[in-house]
């Protein structure tokens, strides 16, 4: 099973994200400081 798309709502600093599509070739997550990168990864981890 592969993750193709996900949405995060009401988790830590993320109130409502747009649908995030994941490409097979994605290897990094880039963004400004305090933009929610780690919160996004924690949300994905908690689904496991």
PDB file of N, CA and C in Angstrom:
ATOM      1  N   UNK A   1       0.851  -1.174   0.000  1.00  0.00           N
ATOM      2  CA  UNK A   1       0.000   0.000   0.000  1.00  0.00           C
ATOM      3  C   UNK A   1       0.897   1.237   0.000  1.00  0.00           C
ATOM      4  N   UNK A   2       0.576   2.196  -0.855  1.00  0.00           N
ATOM      5  CA  UNK A   2       1.347   3.435  -0.944  1.00  0.00           C
ATOM      6  C   UNK A   2       0.467   4.618  -0.590  1.00  0.00           C
ATOM      7  N   UNK A   3       1.064   5.563   0.091  1.00  0.00           N
ATOM      8  CA  UNK A   3       0.382   6.810   0.414  1.00  0.00           C
ATOM      9  C   UNK A   3       0.398   7.691  -0.826  1.00  0.00           C
ATOM     10  N   UNK A   4      -0.755   8.118  -1.268  1.00  0.00           N
ATOM     11  CA  UNK A   4      -0.851   8.950  -2.472  1.00  0.00           C
ATOM     12  C   UNK A   4      -1.302  10.373  -2.166  1.00  0.00           C
ATOM     13  N   UNK A   5      -2.220  10.512  -1.189  1.00  0.00           N
ATOM     14  CA  UNK A   5      -2.760  11.825  -0.854  1.00  0.00           C
ATOM     15  C   UNK A   5      -3.255  11.792   0.588  1.00  0.00           C
ATOM     16  N   UNK A   6      -3.107  12.924   1.312  1.00  0.00           N
ATOM     17  CA  UNK A   6      -3.625  12.993   2.670  1.00  0.00           C
ATOM     18  C   UNK A   6      -3.972  14.430   3.035  1.00  0.00           C
ATOM     19  N   UNK A   7      -4.774  14.572   4.072  1.00  0.00           N
ATOM     20  CA  UNK A   7      -5.179  15.869   4.607  1.00  0.00           C
ATOM     21  C   UNK A   7      -5.059  15.803   6.122  1.00  0.00           C
ATOM     22  N   UNK A   8      -4.575  16.884   6.737  1.00  0.00           N
ATOM     23  CA  UNK A   8      -4.442  16.940   8.194  1.00  0.00           C
ATOM     24  C   UNK A   8      -5.361  18.036   8.709  1.00  0.00           C
ATOM     25  N   UNK A   9      -6.155  17.722   9.733  1.00  0.00           N
ATOM     26  CA  UNK A   9      -7.064  18.704  10.333  1.00  0.00           C
ATOM     27  C   UNK A   9      -6.914  18.685  11.846  1.00  0.00           C
ATOM     28  N   UNK A  10      -6.831  19.863  12.433  1.00  0.00           N
ATOM     29  CA  UNK A  10      -6.795  20.050  13.887  1.00  0.00           C
ATOM     30  C   UNK A  10      -5.749  19.184  14.574  1.00  0.00           C
ATOM     31  N   UNK A  11      -4.510  19.291  14.133  1.00  0.00           N
ATOM     32  CA  UNK A  11      -3.406  18.581  14.768  1.00  0.00           C
ATOM     33  C   UNK A  11      -2.276  19.563  15.010  1.00  0.00           C
ATOM     34  N   UNK A  12      -1.940  19.794  16.274  1.00  0.00           N
ATOM     35  CA  UNK A  12      -0.893  20.733  16.692  1.00  0.00           C
ATOM     36  C   UNK A  12      -1.090  22.084  16.010  1.00  0.00           C
ATOM     37  N   UNK A  13      -0.118  22.533  15.224  1.00  0.00           N
ATOM     38  CA  UNK A  13      -0.210  23.865  14.610  1.00  0.00           C
ATOM     39  C   UNK A  13      -0.998  23.861  13.301  1.00  0.00           C
ATOM     40  N   UNK A  14      -1.468  22.707  12.860  1.00  0.00           N
ATOM     41  CA  UNK A  14      -2.194  22.599  11.592  1.00  0.00           C
ATOM     42  C   UNK A  14      -3.691  22.551  11.879  1.00  0.00           C
ATOM     43  N   UNK A  15      -4.409  23.553  11.407  1.00  0.00           N
ATOM     44  CA  UNK A  15      -5.863  23.575  11.618  1.00  0.00           C
ATOM     45  C   UNK A  15      -6.591  22.890  10.485  1.00  0.00           C
ATOM     46  N   UNK A  16      -6.175  23.147   9.251  1.00  0.00           N
ATOM     47  CA  UNK A  16      -6.820  22.524   8.096  1.00  0.00           C
ATOM     48  C   UNK A  16      -5.881  22.650   6.900  1.00  0.00           C
ATOM     49  N   UNK A  17      -5.319  21.538   6.466  1.00  0.00           N
ATOM     50  CA  UNK A  17      -4.419  21.583   5.312  1.00  0.00           C
ATOM     51  C   UNK A  17      -5.209  21.261   4.050  1.00  0.00           C
ATOM     52  N   UNK A  18      -4.692  21.707   2.937  1.00  0.00           N
ATOM     53  CA  UNK A  18      -5.248  21.272   1.658  1.00  0.00           C
ATOM     54  C   UNK A  18      -4.847  19.815   1.463  1.00  0.00           C
ATOM     55  N   UNK A  19      -5.416  19.163   0.494  1.00  0.00           N
ATOM     56  CA  UNK A  19      -5.004  17.797   0.181  1.00  0.00           C
ATOM     57  C   UNK A  19      -3.555  17.835  -0.295  1.00  0.00           C
ATOM     58  N   UNK A  20      -2.720  17.011   0.305  1.00  0.00           N
ATOM     59  CA  UNK A  20      -1.302  16.963  -0.039  1.00  0.00           C
ATOM     60  C   UNK A  20      -1.067  15.675  -0.809  1.00  0.00           C
ATOM     61  N   UNK A  21      -0.607  15.819  -2.045  1.00  0.00           N
ATOM     62  CA  UNK A  21      -0.341  14.650  -2.878  1.00  0.00           C
ATOM     63  C   UNK A  21       1.123  14.260  -2.733  1.00  0.00           C
ATOM     64  N   UNK A  22       1.367  12.957  -2.649  1.00  0.00           N
ATOM     65  CA  UNK A  22       2.716  12.434  -2.458  1.00  0.00           C
ATOM     66  C   UNK A  22       3.151  11.734  -3.737  1.00  0.00           C
ATOM     67  N   UNK A  23       4.288  12.145  -4.255  1.00  0.00           N
ATOM     68  CA  UNK A  23       4.858  11.545  -5.458  1.00  0.00           C
ATOM     69  C   UNK A  23       5.824  10.432  -5.044  1.00  0.00           C
ATOM     70  N   UNK A  24       5.989   9.433  -5.873  1.00  0.00           N
ATOM     71  CA  UNK A  24       6.922   8.344  -5.570  1.00  0.00           C
ATOM     72  C   UNK A  24       8.356   8.833  -5.406  1.00  0.00           C
ATOM     73  N   UNK A  25       8.679   9.974  -5.999  1.00  0.00           N
ATOM     74  CA  UNK A  25      10.052  10.469  -5.987  1.00  0.00           C
ATOM     75  C   UNK A  25      10.312  11.531  -4.919  1.00  0.00           C
ATOM     76  N   UNK A  26       9.341  11.824  -4.064  1.00  0.00           N
ATOM     77  CA  UNK A  26       9.523  12.832  -3.015  1.00  0.00           C
ATOM     78  C   UNK A  26      10.463  12.288  -1.953  1.00  0.00           C
ATOM     79  N   UNK A  27      11.499  13.063  -1.633  1.00  0.00           N
ATOM     80  CA  UNK A  27      12.448  12.627  -0.611  1.00  0.00           C
ATOM     81  C   UNK A  27      12.667  13.662   0.479  1.00  0.00           C
ATOM     82  N   UNK A  28      12.035  14.833   0.383  1.00  0.00           N
ATOM     83  CA  UNK A  28      12.242  15.855   1.405  1.00  0.00           C
ATOM     84  C   UNK A  28      10.992  16.716   1.563  1.00  0.00           C
ATOM     85  N   UNK A  29      10.950  17.415   2.679  1.00  0.00           N
ATOM     86  CA  UNK A  29       9.857  18.321   2.994  1.00  0.00           C
ATOM     87  C   UNK A  29      10.492  19.672   3.291  1.00  0.00           C
ATOM     88  N   UNK A  30      10.146  20.700   2.524  1.00  0.00           N
ATOM     89  CA  UNK A  30      10.796  22.001   2.628  1.00  0.00           C
ATOM     90  C   UNK A  30       9.785  23.060   3.019  1.00  0.00           C
ATOM     91  N   UNK A  31      10.183  23.962   3.926  1.00  0.00           N
ATOM     92  CA  UNK A  31       9.317  25.062   4.324  1.00  0.00           C
ATOM     93  C   UNK A  31      10.032  25.977   5.300  1.00  0.00           C
ATOM     94  N   UNK A  32       9.431  27.123   5.565  1.00  0.00           N
ATOM     95  CA  UNK A  32      10.001  28.087   6.504  1.00  0.00           C
ATOM     96  C   UNK A  32       9.946  27.539   7.924  1.00  0.00           C
ATOM     97  N   UNK A  33      10.732  28.151   8.817  1.00  0.00           N
ATOM     98  CA  UNK A  33      10.693  27.789  10.233  1.00  0.00           C
ATOM     99  C   UNK A  33       9.289  27.988  10.784  1.00  0.00           C
ATOM    100  N   UNK A  34       8.865  27.086  11.665  1.00  0.00           N
ATOM    101  CA  UNK A  34       7.560  27.166  12.326  1.00  0.00           C
ATOM    102  C   UNK A  34       6.381  27.091  11.345  1.00  0.00           C
ATOM    103  N   UNK A  35       6.571  26.447  10.198  1.00  0.00           N
ATOM    104  CA  UNK A  35       5.481  26.353   9.219  1.00  0.00           C
ATOM    105  C   UNK A  35       4.679  25.061   9.344  1.00  0.00           C
ATOM    106  N   UNK A  36       5.099  24.148  10.243  1.00  0.00           N
ATOM    107  CA  UNK A  36       4.333  22.936  10.473  1.00  0.00           C
ATOM    108  C   UNK A  36       4.895  21.675   9.834  1.00  0.00           C
ATOM    109  N   UNK A  37       6.142  21.709   9.388  1.00  0.00           N
ATOM    110  CA  UNK A  37       6.744  20.526   8.752  1.00  0.00           C
ATOM    111  C   UNK A  37       6.784  19.338   9.713  1.00  0.00           C
ATOM    112  N   UNK A  38       7.266  19.555  10.913  1.00  0.00           N
ATOM    113  CA  UNK A  38       7.364  18.471  11.893  1.00  0.00           C
ATOM    114  C   UNK A  38       5.984  18.010  12.334  1.00  0.00           C
ATOM    115  N   UNK A  39       5.059  18.933  12.512  1.00  0.00           N
ATOM    116  CA  UNK A  39       3.690  18.563  12.895  1.00  0.00           C
ATOM    117  C   UNK A  39       3.069  17.676  11.823  1.00  0.00           C
ATOM    118  N   UNK A  40       3.332  17.983  10.581  1.00  0.00           N
ATOM    119  CA  UNK A  40       2.823  17.172   9.476  1.00  0.00           C
ATOM    120  C   UNK A  40       3.376  15.749   9.540  1.00  0.00           C
ATOM    121  N   UNK A  41       4.672  15.631   9.797  1.00  0.00           N
ATOM    122  CA  UNK A  41       5.285  14.306   9.901  1.00  0.00           C
ATOM    123  C   UNK A  41       4.773  13.542  11.122  1.00  0.00           C
ATOM    124  N   UNK A  42       4.568  14.238  12.237  1.00  0.00           N
ATOM    125  CA  UNK A  42       4.014  13.590  13.431  1.00  0.00           C
ATOM    126  C   UNK A  42       2.592  13.088  13.159  1.00  0.00           C
ATOM    127  N   UNK A  43       1.813  13.848  12.433  1.00  0.00           N
ATOM    128  CA  UNK A  43       0.446  13.427  12.100  1.00  0.00           C
ATOM    129  C   UNK A  43       0.474  12.155  11.254  1.00  0.00           C
ATOM    130  N   UNK A  44       1.373  12.097  10.294  1.00  0.00           N
ATOM    131  CA  UNK A  44       1.498  10.889   9.470  1.00  0.00           C
ATOM    132  C   UNK A  44       1.955   9.703  10.308  1.00  0.00           C
ATOM    133  N   UNK A  45       2.880   9.941  11.213  1.00  0.00           N
ATOM    134  CA  UNK A  45       3.385   8.870  12.076  1.00  0.00           C
ATOM    135  C   UNK A  45       2.273   8.286  12.944  1.00  0.00           C
ATOM    136  N   UNK A  46       1.395   9.143  13.435  1.00  0.00           N
ATOM    137  CA  UNK A  46       0.325   8.687  14.330  1.00  0.00           C
ATOM    138  C   UNK A  46      -0.735   7.856  13.612  1.00  0.00           C
ATOM    139  N   UNK A  47      -0.770   7.899  12.290  1.00  0.00           N
ATOM    140  CA  UNK A  47      -1.744   7.088  11.554  1.00  0.00           C
ATOM    141  C   UNK A  47      -1.302   5.639  11.436  1.00  0.00           C
ATOM    142  N   UNK A  48      -0.051   5.376  11.733  1.00  0.00           N
ATOM    143  CA  UNK A  48       0.484   4.022  11.596  1.00  0.00           C
ATOM    144  C   UNK A  48       0.076   3.152  12.757  1.00  0.00           C
TER     145      UNK A  48
END
